Protein backbone atom coordinates (compact mmCIF):
# COMPACT_ATOMS: atom_id res chain seq x y z
CA LEU A 1 56.67 51.19 -95.66
CA SER A 2 57.15 48.80 -92.73
CA TYR A 3 54.64 46.15 -91.58
CA SER A 4 53.56 48.29 -88.64
CA GLU A 5 52.83 51.21 -90.94
CA THR A 6 50.70 49.32 -93.44
CA ASN A 7 48.87 46.71 -91.24
CA PRO A 8 46.11 48.08 -89.00
CA GLU A 9 46.17 44.88 -86.88
CA PHE A 10 49.50 46.03 -85.45
CA TYR A 11 47.88 49.12 -84.02
CA ILE A 12 44.93 47.21 -82.72
CA LYS A 13 47.31 44.86 -80.84
CA ILE A 14 49.26 47.77 -79.42
CA PHE A 15 46.06 49.37 -78.26
CA MET A 16 44.78 46.25 -76.61
CA PHE A 17 48.14 45.75 -74.89
CA PHE A 18 48.06 49.19 -73.34
CA THR A 19 44.41 48.92 -72.48
CA VAL A 20 45.05 45.71 -70.46
CA TYR A 21 48.13 47.34 -68.88
CA ALA A 22 46.20 50.44 -67.87
CA TYR A 23 43.31 48.46 -66.47
CA ALA A 24 45.67 46.11 -64.61
CA SER A 25 47.56 49.09 -63.17
CA ARG A 26 44.42 50.76 -62.05
CA LEU A 27 43.11 47.64 -60.36
CA SER A 28 46.33 46.71 -58.79
CA SER A 29 46.83 50.11 -57.30
CA LYS A 30 43.47 49.77 -55.57
CA ASN A 31 43.60 46.07 -54.59
CA CYS A 32 47.17 44.95 -54.45
CA ALA A 33 49.44 45.25 -51.42
CA LYS A 34 52.45 46.15 -53.48
CA LYS A 35 51.70 49.20 -55.62
CA SER A 36 53.94 49.40 -58.58
CA LEU A 37 53.91 50.35 -62.25
CA TYR A 38 56.00 47.35 -63.14
CA PHE A 39 54.03 45.62 -65.82
CA PRO A 40 54.48 41.96 -64.89
CA GLN A 41 53.58 42.57 -61.29
CA ASN A 42 50.44 44.36 -62.19
CA VAL A 43 49.25 41.90 -64.72
CA LEU A 44 49.96 39.03 -62.29
CA CYS A 45 47.84 40.87 -59.71
CA PHE A 46 45.17 41.43 -62.20
CA LEU A 47 45.08 37.77 -63.23
CA LYS A 48 44.88 36.76 -59.55
CA MET A 49 41.86 38.94 -59.06
CA LEU A 50 40.29 37.66 -62.26
CA TYR A 51 40.79 34.10 -61.09
CA ARG A 52 39.03 34.90 -57.72
CA ARG A 53 36.08 36.16 -59.64
CA LEU A 54 35.91 33.04 -61.81
CA ILE A 55 36.48 30.57 -59.01
CA MET A 56 34.05 31.53 -56.23
CA ASP A 57 34.31 30.98 -52.53
CA ILE A 58 31.30 32.13 -50.63
CA LEU A 59 30.57 33.25 -47.02
CA VAL A 60 26.98 32.79 -45.92
CA VAL A 61 26.12 35.01 -42.88
CA VAL A 62 22.88 33.66 -41.34
CA ASP A 63 20.35 35.81 -39.49
CA MET A 64 22.62 38.21 -37.77
CA GLN A 65 19.64 40.33 -36.80
CA LYS A 66 18.99 42.48 -33.83
CA ASP A 67 16.17 40.30 -32.50
CA PHE A 68 18.53 37.26 -32.31
CA ILE A 69 21.43 39.28 -30.79
CA SER A 70 19.97 41.62 -28.18
CA GLY A 71 16.27 41.64 -28.90
CA ALA A 72 13.37 39.24 -28.40
CA LEU A 73 15.39 36.14 -28.79
CA GLY A 74 18.81 37.53 -27.94
CA THR A 75 21.52 35.81 -25.86
CA LYS A 76 24.88 36.91 -24.46
CA GLU A 77 26.53 34.37 -26.68
CA ALA A 78 24.94 36.02 -29.75
CA VAL A 79 26.17 39.38 -28.52
CA GLY A 80 29.67 38.00 -28.07
CA ILE A 81 30.11 36.80 -31.71
CA VAL A 82 29.23 40.13 -33.33
CA PRO A 83 32.84 41.40 -33.42
CA ARG A 84 34.08 38.11 -34.70
CA VAL A 85 31.55 37.94 -37.47
CA ALA A 86 32.30 41.57 -38.47
CA GLU A 87 36.00 40.59 -38.67
CA LYS A 88 35.21 37.47 -40.59
CA ILE A 89 33.30 39.52 -43.18
CA ALA A 90 36.20 41.96 -43.50
CA GLN A 91 38.69 39.24 -43.91
CA ALA A 92 36.49 37.49 -46.55
CA LYS A 93 36.23 40.63 -48.59
CA LYS A 94 39.95 41.12 -48.54
CA ALA A 95 40.34 37.51 -49.79
CA GLY A 96 37.93 38.14 -52.67
CA LYS A 97 35.13 35.94 -51.37
CA THR A 98 31.50 36.59 -52.14
CA ILE A 99 29.41 37.38 -49.13
CA VAL A 100 25.65 36.79 -48.79
CA PHE A 101 23.26 37.25 -45.91
CA THR A 102 20.04 35.58 -44.85
CA ARG A 103 17.36 37.51 -42.90
CA ASP A 104 14.63 35.83 -40.97
CA THR A 105 11.46 37.49 -42.07
CA HIS A 106 8.05 37.23 -40.47
CA HIS A 107 4.78 39.22 -40.54
CA GLU A 108 2.06 40.29 -38.30
CA ASN A 109 0.36 36.87 -38.50
CA TYR A 110 3.50 35.13 -37.06
CA LEU A 111 1.60 33.69 -34.06
CA ASP A 112 -0.79 31.92 -36.49
CA THR A 113 1.97 30.17 -38.32
CA GLN A 114 3.38 26.72 -37.47
CA GLU A 115 6.58 28.28 -36.20
CA GLY A 116 4.63 30.85 -34.08
CA LYS A 117 2.57 28.12 -32.47
CA ASN A 118 5.66 26.30 -31.37
CA LEU A 119 7.66 29.42 -30.55
CA PRO A 120 5.23 32.08 -29.50
CA VAL A 121 7.71 34.93 -29.36
CA PRO A 122 7.15 37.42 -32.20
CA HIS A 123 10.51 38.34 -33.62
CA CYS A 124 12.06 39.58 -36.88
CA ILE A 125 8.81 41.20 -38.12
CA GLU A 126 9.50 42.79 -41.42
CA ASN A 127 10.58 46.38 -41.35
CA THR A 128 10.84 46.52 -37.58
CA ASP A 129 14.05 47.38 -35.81
CA GLY A 130 14.56 43.84 -34.64
CA TRP A 131 14.39 42.60 -38.21
CA GLN A 132 17.42 44.66 -39.23
CA LEU A 133 20.80 43.18 -39.56
CA ASP A 134 23.32 44.31 -37.00
CA PRO A 135 24.80 47.65 -38.09
CA ALA A 136 28.33 46.48 -37.10
CA LEU A 137 28.28 44.17 -40.12
CA ASP A 138 29.37 45.32 -43.57
CA THR A 139 26.53 44.43 -45.95
CA ALA A 140 27.60 46.74 -48.79
CA GLY A 141 27.13 45.10 -52.15
CA ALA A 142 25.98 41.83 -50.55
CA MET A 143 22.92 39.83 -51.59
CA ILE A 144 20.37 39.43 -48.76
CA PHE A 145 17.91 36.47 -48.86
CA ASP A 146 14.77 37.12 -46.82
CA LYS A 147 13.29 33.82 -45.59
CA PRO A 148 10.01 33.04 -43.93
CA SER A 149 11.34 30.01 -42.05
CA PHE A 150 14.47 28.35 -40.86
CA GLY A 151 15.95 27.55 -44.30
CA SER A 152 16.17 29.64 -47.45
CA GLU A 153 15.13 27.92 -50.63
CA ALA A 154 16.26 31.02 -52.55
CA LEU A 155 19.79 30.80 -51.13
CA VAL A 156 20.14 27.16 -52.14
CA ARG A 157 18.87 27.89 -55.70
CA TYR A 158 21.46 30.72 -55.85
CA LEU A 159 24.26 28.48 -54.71
CA LYS A 160 23.22 25.79 -57.24
CA SER A 161 23.27 28.39 -60.04
CA LEU A 162 26.95 29.14 -59.39
CA ASN A 163 28.89 26.88 -61.85
CA ASP A 164 32.30 27.98 -60.54
CA LEU A 165 31.45 27.74 -56.75
CA ARG A 166 34.46 26.13 -55.04
CA SER A 167 33.46 26.29 -51.35
CA ALA A 168 30.85 27.65 -48.88
CA GLU A 169 31.35 28.71 -45.28
CA PHE A 170 28.54 29.47 -42.89
CA VAL A 171 28.50 31.74 -39.77
CA GLY A 172 25.69 33.26 -37.78
CA LEU A 173 22.58 32.53 -35.70
CA CYS A 174 21.30 30.33 -34.40
CA THR A 175 23.63 27.36 -34.78
CA ASP A 176 20.93 24.81 -33.80
CA ILE A 177 18.11 26.16 -35.91
CA CYS A 178 18.79 28.36 -38.91
CA VAL A 179 22.44 27.74 -39.41
CA ILE A 180 22.16 23.89 -39.36
CA THR A 181 19.07 24.03 -41.64
CA ASN A 182 20.82 26.07 -44.32
CA VAL A 183 24.03 24.11 -44.09
CA LEU A 184 22.37 20.74 -44.43
CA SER A 185 19.99 21.98 -47.18
CA THR A 186 23.09 23.15 -49.06
CA LYS A 187 24.72 19.77 -48.50
CA CYS A 188 21.71 18.02 -49.90
CA ALA A 189 21.63 20.22 -52.94
CA LEU A 190 25.44 20.22 -53.54
CA PRO A 191 26.81 16.97 -52.09
CA GLU A 192 30.28 17.48 -53.65
CA LEU A 193 30.70 21.12 -52.41
CA PRO A 194 33.14 21.55 -49.52
CA ILE A 195 31.10 23.17 -46.75
CA ALA A 196 32.51 24.59 -43.51
CA VAL A 197 31.10 26.24 -40.34
CA ASP A 198 33.17 28.59 -38.25
CA SER A 199 31.98 27.65 -34.80
CA THR A 200 33.55 30.75 -33.24
CA CYS A 201 31.34 32.90 -35.33
CA CYS A 202 28.05 31.02 -34.39
CA ALA A 203 25.84 30.91 -31.31
CA GLY A 204 22.97 28.68 -30.38
CA VAL A 205 19.79 29.08 -28.39
CA THR A 206 21.86 27.63 -25.57
CA PRO A 207 25.64 26.73 -25.34
CA GLN A 208 24.61 23.00 -25.12
CA SER A 209 22.29 23.15 -28.24
CA HIS A 210 25.18 25.07 -30.02
CA GLU A 211 27.53 22.07 -29.37
CA ASN A 212 24.85 19.49 -30.30
CA ALA A 213 24.28 21.13 -33.69
CA LEU A 214 28.01 21.35 -34.39
CA SER A 215 28.31 17.56 -33.60
CA ALA A 216 25.35 16.82 -35.89
CA MET A 217 26.83 18.79 -38.77
CA ARG A 218 30.23 17.22 -38.21
CA MET A 219 28.63 13.74 -38.53
CA CYS A 220 27.16 14.90 -41.81
CA GLN A 221 30.71 15.64 -43.15
CA ILE A 222 30.64 19.43 -42.56
CA LYS A 223 33.97 20.87 -41.73
CA ILE A 224 33.73 22.53 -38.28
CA ASP A 225 36.43 25.11 -37.59
């Protein structure tokens, strides 16, 4: 008898080979631009997707909620960035990036809080329509961090837990309040992490405060696109 007929390891290796091939073919047919059953091409595509999962780039979408867009604290600038943020999310998904959202979350006692006393405009009250993320944005499969104030401690803890995190990019509202707070909180917690802000996908309380916040972040070595 030949080696292959007497050694069960041969069959195990053949089984593993075709299992990887079938899995790579299935994934590549769903995710790769060039659909082919040619083995090297499928495996290469599979390895690229595996690499993307091991080396993580993350997009943080900050407070893209109805009350900040067209509701209690909405602005025309906020309305204007919604299509760009939606496209940013779509492109990030295609590139294999991880996408997370923050969601400003207040309660009926908002006016009694420190923030409410300084900004007496009830907004983003939990489970109200204004609290919801804009429906134009694809949130499927994304983590959402509810936060009671400008910054999200849970978001920072999550980012710190990612051993293979390679970069973080921030977009959303408002540039001069919640975006800058979360960006600089991340910078403090992860000083060696490359952090960027897409200014075309952000809006501030006013155009001037938007620009002021971008300048402040730039001075703190945040990449402003």
